[in-house]
Amino acid sequence: MFNVFVWALGIIVILFILGLLFMLLRKGLPNLTWDFLTGLPSEIEEGGGIGPALFNSFYILFLSLAISIPLGMAAGIYLAEFAPDNRFIGFIRICVEGLSSVPSIIFGLFGISLFVDIFQLDLTILGGAVSLAFLNLPMLTRVTEESLRSVPTELKNASFALGSTHLQTIRTVLIPVALNGIITGICLTAGRAFGESAVIILTAGVTTSGELWDFNLLSPGETLAVHLWYVQSEAIVPDAGDIAQKATAVLIMIVLAINLVFRVPLWIKARRMKG
């Protein structure tokens, strides 16, 4: 009876997710065009695209991950392998766990205070990327620490017995074994960051520079998620509903693609090891 209950619950969850995806994609996905993906947004006339917002989404995501992944992994490695077991480190772990559950808008308020009020940079891609990195950092730290702690102690001891140093053991044994969990955490973080809107609205703004490929870090950085919110709630273009549906389809498909890009190499590696 328990097996039947678990299978039924799993099937219901899968059907619910598939139904939700069908409802969100059925109108927007068939109407996607290259002009929509690369075109400039319009404030008044219909037929605008999402090109600059889509580029800013990938640009800010790349910058935030480039900042948060090295720092998060370094912090996680320190907490798992080097940090002493005392009250202060325990307090640090509690703080990291607390930051992981803080609403994203709090990081947005921190970013606007730091970059807009203190550094007088206005709403920029740089402020959005760094604020988003702060949002990602606690989760990456915890995922790295827990992944390293899940590695069997026998593997570490075997590496030490063969004469490896602690750093060599971390680099050649612990990280490769824990890589599956670390990449899963990066995947979840990247998907969350790509669809984040509250932080970007407060630190990067709701407009773009009007250029499709704008690498200037001090340009305004509206992303696709922010553009979707703006079109659905504030825009006055006649085809706002159609733009929102197509932008929703693009956002969902990219988040799914991010998960596949991160997970497919792990699946291939696992199959090779079994073979």
Protein backbone atom coordinates (compact mmCIF):
# COMPACT_ATOMS: atom_id res chain seq x y z
CA MET A 1 0.00 0.00 0.00
CA PHE A 2 2.85 2.37 0.80
CA ASN A 3 4.49 1.70 -2.59
CA VAL A 4 1.19 2.36 -4.34
CA PHE A 5 0.77 5.59 -2.39
CA VAL A 6 4.30 6.79 -3.24
CA TRP A 7 3.95 5.95 -6.93
CA ALA A 8 0.55 7.65 -7.10
CA LEU A 9 1.88 10.76 -5.38
CA GLY A 10 4.88 10.88 -7.73
CA ILE A 11 2.66 10.53 -10.80
CA ILE A 12 0.36 13.29 -9.54
CA VAL A 13 3.32 15.64 -9.02
CA ILE A 14 4.68 14.89 -12.50
CA LEU A 15 1.27 15.42 -14.11
CA PHE A 16 0.86 18.69 -12.22
CA ILE A 17 4.25 19.93 -13.47
CA LEU A 18 3.52 18.86 -17.04
CA GLY A 19 0.11 20.54 -16.90
CA LEU A 20 1.65 23.73 -15.56
CA LEU A 21 4.29 23.73 -18.32
CA PHE A 22 1.63 23.09 -20.98
CA MET A 23 -0.50 25.95 -19.68
CA LEU A 24 2.44 28.36 -19.71
CA LEU A 25 3.95 27.27 -23.03
CA ARG A 26 0.95 26.49 -25.24
CA LYS A 27 0.40 30.08 -26.39
CA GLY A 28 3.88 31.55 -26.25
CA LEU A 29 6.14 28.79 -27.56
CA PRO A 30 4.53 28.29 -31.02
CA ASN A 31 4.67 32.06 -31.72
CA LEU A 32 8.36 32.57 -30.99
CA THR A 33 10.36 34.12 -33.83
CA TRP A 34 13.97 35.11 -34.31
CA ASP A 35 12.93 38.75 -34.62
CA PHE A 36 11.28 38.57 -31.22
CA LEU A 37 14.38 37.04 -29.62
CA THR A 38 16.77 39.61 -31.11
CA GLY A 39 14.53 42.65 -31.54
CA LEU A 40 14.55 45.79 -29.41
CA PRO A 41 11.69 46.32 -26.94
CA SER A 42 9.05 48.89 -27.78
CA GLU A 43 7.43 51.31 -25.36
CA ILE A 44 4.38 52.26 -27.44
CA GLU A 45 4.14 50.36 -30.73
CA GLU A 46 3.43 46.65 -30.90
CA GLY A 47 5.87 44.08 -32.22
CA GLY A 48 8.75 44.75 -29.81
CA GLY A 49 11.35 42.12 -28.96
CA ILE A 50 13.38 41.01 -25.95
CA GLY A 51 16.92 41.08 -27.39
CA PRO A 52 18.66 43.44 -24.91
CA ALA A 53 16.81 41.97 -21.91
CA LEU A 54 17.73 38.43 -22.96
CA PHE A 55 21.38 39.39 -23.41
CA ASN A 56 21.44 41.14 -20.02
CA SER A 57 20.01 38.01 -18.39
CA PHE A 58 22.91 35.86 -19.60
CA TYR A 59 25.47 38.61 -19.00
CA ILE A 60 24.43 39.26 -15.40
CA LEU A 61 24.11 35.52 -14.74
CA PHE A 62 27.65 34.89 -16.03
CA LEU A 63 29.11 37.75 -13.99
CA SER A 64 27.32 36.70 -10.81
CA LEU A 65 28.41 33.06 -11.14
CA ALA A 66 31.99 34.13 -11.93
CA ILE A 67 32.00 35.94 -8.58
CA SER A 68 29.96 33.56 -6.42
CA ILE A 69 31.26 30.13 -7.55
CA PRO A 70 34.95 30.66 -6.60
CA LEU A 71 34.07 32.42 -3.34
CA GLY A 72 31.33 29.95 -2.44
CA MET A 73 33.48 26.90 -3.15
CA ALA A 74 36.42 28.39 -1.24
CA ALA A 75 34.22 29.14 1.77
CA GLY A 76 32.64 25.68 1.63
CA ILE A 77 36.04 23.97 1.40
CA TYR A 78 37.30 25.98 4.38
CA LEU A 79 34.26 25.18 6.52
CA ALA A 80 34.41 21.47 5.63
CA GLU A 81 38.16 20.86 5.85
CA PHE A 82 40.02 23.61 7.69
CA ALA A 83 37.65 25.38 10.08
CA PRO A 84 38.04 24.42 13.77
CA ASP A 85 35.07 22.93 15.55
CA ASN A 86 34.21 25.77 17.94
CA ARG A 87 31.34 28.10 18.74
CA PHE A 88 32.50 30.85 16.41
CA ILE A 89 32.51 28.55 13.36
CA GLY A 90 29.16 27.20 14.47
CA PHE A 91 27.85 30.75 14.57
CA ILE A 92 29.24 31.33 11.06
CA ARG A 93 27.38 28.26 9.78
CA ILE A 94 24.15 29.51 11.34
CA CYS A 95 24.67 32.88 9.65
CA VAL A 96 25.27 31.23 6.26
CA GLU A 97 22.14 29.11 6.65
CA GLY A 98 20.19 32.19 7.67
CA LEU A 99 21.38 34.14 4.64
CA SER A 100 20.27 31.25 2.40
CA SER A 101 16.67 31.83 3.49
CA VAL A 102 16.67 35.63 3.41
CA PRO A 103 14.19 37.02 0.84
CA SER A 104 15.89 38.21 -2.33
CA ILE A 105 14.49 41.72 -1.98
CA ILE A 106 16.70 42.19 1.10
CA PHE A 107 19.79 41.64 -1.06
CA GLY A 108 18.30 44.12 -3.52
CA LEU A 109 17.95 46.73 -0.78
CA PHE A 110 21.54 46.04 0.26
CA GLY A 111 22.69 46.44 -3.35
CA ILE A 112 20.85 49.71 -3.88
CA SER A 113 22.29 51.08 -0.62
CA LEU A 114 25.81 50.03 -1.58
CA PHE A 115 25.99 50.88 -5.28
CA VAL A 116 23.43 53.66 -5.65
CA ASP A 117 23.60 55.51 -2.33
CA ILE A 118 27.25 54.98 -1.34
CA PHE A 119 29.12 54.58 -4.65
CA GLN A 120 26.68 56.76 -6.65
CA LEU A 121 26.67 54.35 -9.62
CA ASP A 122 22.95 54.51 -10.34
CA LEU A 123 21.18 51.34 -11.55
CA THR A 124 23.77 49.30 -13.45
CA ILE A 125 24.64 45.81 -14.67
CA LEU A 126 27.58 45.80 -12.25
CA GLY A 127 25.36 46.46 -9.24
CA GLY A 128 22.87 43.81 -10.34
CA ALA A 129 25.57 41.18 -10.93
CA VAL A 130 27.34 41.72 -7.60
CA SER A 131 24.06 41.82 -5.66
CA LEU A 132 22.97 38.61 -7.38
CA ALA A 133 26.33 37.05 -6.45
CA PHE A 134 25.65 37.93 -2.80
CA LEU A 135 22.30 36.15 -3.15
CA ASN A 136 23.95 33.02 -4.60
CA LEU A 137 26.91 32.89 -2.22
CA PRO A 138 25.28 31.36 0.90
CA MET A 139 23.65 28.51 -1.03
CA LEU A 140 26.86 27.67 -2.90
CA THR A 141 28.81 27.70 0.36
CA ARG A 142 26.41 25.29 2.07
CA VAL A 143 26.15 22.99 -0.95
CA THR A 144 29.94 22.77 -1.27
CA GLU A 145 30.42 22.09 2.43
CA GLU A 146 27.74 19.39 2.59
CA SER A 147 28.98 17.74 -0.63
CA LEU A 148 32.51 17.52 0.72
CA ARG A 149 31.31 16.18 4.08
CA SER A 150 29.36 13.44 2.29
CA VAL A 151 32.56 11.99 0.79
CA PRO A 152 33.45 8.73 2.61
CA THR A 153 36.23 9.18 5.17
CA GLU A 154 37.95 6.06 3.82
CA LEU A 155 38.78 7.82 0.55
CA LYS A 156 40.41 10.72 2.38
CA ASN A 157 42.39 8.40 4.63
CA ALA A 158 43.53 6.35 1.64
CA SER A 159 44.81 9.50 -0.04
CA PHE A 160 46.72 10.49 3.10
CA ALA A 161 48.14 6.97 3.35
CA LEU A 162 49.54 7.29 -0.18
CA GLY A 163 51.45 10.41 0.85
CA SER A 164 49.16 13.14 -0.50
CA THR A 165 49.01 16.46 1.26
CA HIS A 166 45.74 17.93 2.47
CA LEU A 167 45.47 20.28 -0.52
CA GLN A 168 46.28 17.46 -2.94
CA THR A 169 43.62 15.31 -1.31
CA ILE A 170 41.05 18.08 -1.67
CA ARG A 171 41.97 18.73 -5.30
CA THR A 172 42.30 15.15 -6.54
CA VAL A 173 39.92 13.17 -4.29
CA LEU A 174 37.32 15.21 -2.43
CA ILE A 175 36.27 17.67 -5.14
CA PRO A 176 36.00 15.05 -7.95
CA VAL A 177 33.91 12.76 -5.72
CA ALA A 178 31.71 15.64 -4.49
CA LEU A 179 31.43 17.19 -7.95
CA ASN A 180 27.97 15.80 -8.58
CA GLY A 181 26.50 17.57 -5.57
CA ILE A 182 28.45 20.77 -6.21
CA ILE A 183 27.28 20.99 -9.83
CA THR A 184 23.72 20.27 -8.76
CA GLY A 185 23.94 23.23 -6.37
CA ILE A 186 25.38 25.44 -9.11
CA CYS A 187 22.58 24.33 -11.42
CA LEU A 188 19.88 25.22 -8.88
CA THR A 189 21.59 28.53 -8.15
CA ALA A 190 21.91 29.43 -11.84
CA GLY A 191 18.26 28.62 -12.52
CA ARG A 192 17.14 30.71 -9.57
CA ALA A 193 19.43 33.59 -10.52
CA PHE A 194 18.28 33.62 -14.15
CA GLY A 195 14.66 34.05 -13.11
CA GLU A 196 15.36 36.53 -10.29
CA SER A 197 13.59 39.87 -10.57
CA ALA A 198 13.47 41.64 -7.18
CA VAL A 199 17.23 42.07 -6.89
CA ILE A 200 17.57 43.23 -10.51
CA ILE A 201 14.72 45.75 -10.28
CA LEU A 202 16.36 47.45 -7.30
CA THR A 203 19.98 47.34 -8.48
CA ALA A 204 19.96 47.17 -12.31
CA GLY A 205 16.68 48.90 -13.18
CA VAL A 206 13.77 48.21 -15.52
CA THR A 207 15.32 49.62 -18.70
CA THR A 208 18.09 48.70 -21.10
CA SER A 209 20.62 50.80 -23.00
CA GLY A 210 18.78 50.07 -26.25
CA GLU A 211 21.72 48.11 -27.68
CA LEU A 212 21.54 44.37 -28.31
CA TRP A 213 25.14 43.61 -27.27
CA ASP A 214 26.03 46.08 -24.54
CA PHE A 215 28.99 44.90 -22.42
CA ASN A 216 29.29 48.18 -20.52
CA LEU A 217 29.05 47.33 -16.83
CA LEU A 218 27.63 50.75 -16.03
CA SER A 219 24.65 50.43 -18.41
CA PRO A 220 21.15 49.75 -17.06
CA GLY A 221 20.55 46.01 -16.88
CA GLU A 222 16.91 45.00 -17.27
CA THR A 223 16.74 41.20 -17.55
CA LEU A 224 14.13 38.95 -19.13
CA ALA A 225 12.38 38.28 -15.81
CA VAL A 226 12.18 42.01 -15.10
CA HIS A 227 10.97 42.70 -18.64
CA LEU A 228 8.25 40.09 -18.18
CA TRP A 229 7.11 41.75 -14.95
CA TYR A 230 7.20 45.21 -16.54
CA VAL A 231 5.24 44.18 -19.64
CA GLN A 232 2.61 42.38 -17.61
CA SER A 233 2.09 45.15 -15.04
CA GLU A 234 3.26 48.52 -16.38
CA ALA A 235 3.60 48.49 -20.19
CA ILE A 236 1.08 50.24 -22.43
CA VAL A 237 1.90 48.44 -25.69
CA PRO A 238 -1.17 46.88 -27.35
CA ASP A 239 0.37 43.39 -27.54
CA ALA A 240 1.59 43.26 -23.94
CA GLY A 241 -0.20 39.97 -23.34
CA ASP A 242 1.44 38.28 -26.34
CA ILE A 243 4.88 39.59 -25.33
CA ALA A 244 4.39 38.28 -21.79
CA GLN A 245 3.37 34.82 -23.03
CA LYS A 246 6.34 34.55 -25.39
CA ALA A 247 8.76 35.90 -22.78
CA THR A 248 7.42 33.34 -20.30
CA ALA A 249 8.06 30.54 -22.79
CA VAL A 250 11.62 31.75 -23.40
CA LEU A 251 12.32 32.03 -19.67
CA ILE A 252 11.05 28.52 -18.93
CA MET A 253 12.91 26.93 -21.85
CA ILE A 254 16.20 28.60 -20.87
CA VAL A 255 15.90 27.48 -17.24
CA LEU A 256 15.25 23.92 -18.44
CA ALA A 257 18.22 24.20 -20.80
CA ILE A 258 20.47 25.36 -17.95
CA ASN A 259 19.54 22.24 -15.99
CA LEU A 260 20.31 20.02 -18.98
CA VAL A 261 23.63 21.73 -19.72
CA PHE A 262 24.83 21.16 -16.17
CA ARG A 263 23.43 17.65 -15.74
CA VAL A 264 24.13 15.95 -19.08
CA PRO A 265 27.93 15.77 -18.52
CA LEU A 266 27.27 14.18 -15.11
CA TRP A 267 24.97 11.59 -16.66
CA ILE A 268 27.55 10.78 -19.33
CA LYS A 269 30.31 10.48 -16.72
CA ALA A 270 28.14 8.20 -14.52
CA ARG A 271 27.31 5.91 -17.44
CA ARG A 272 30.97 5.64 -18.41
CA MET A 273 31.95 4.75 -14.85
CA LYS A 274 29.25 2.05 -14.72
CA GLY A 275 30.33 0.73 -18.12
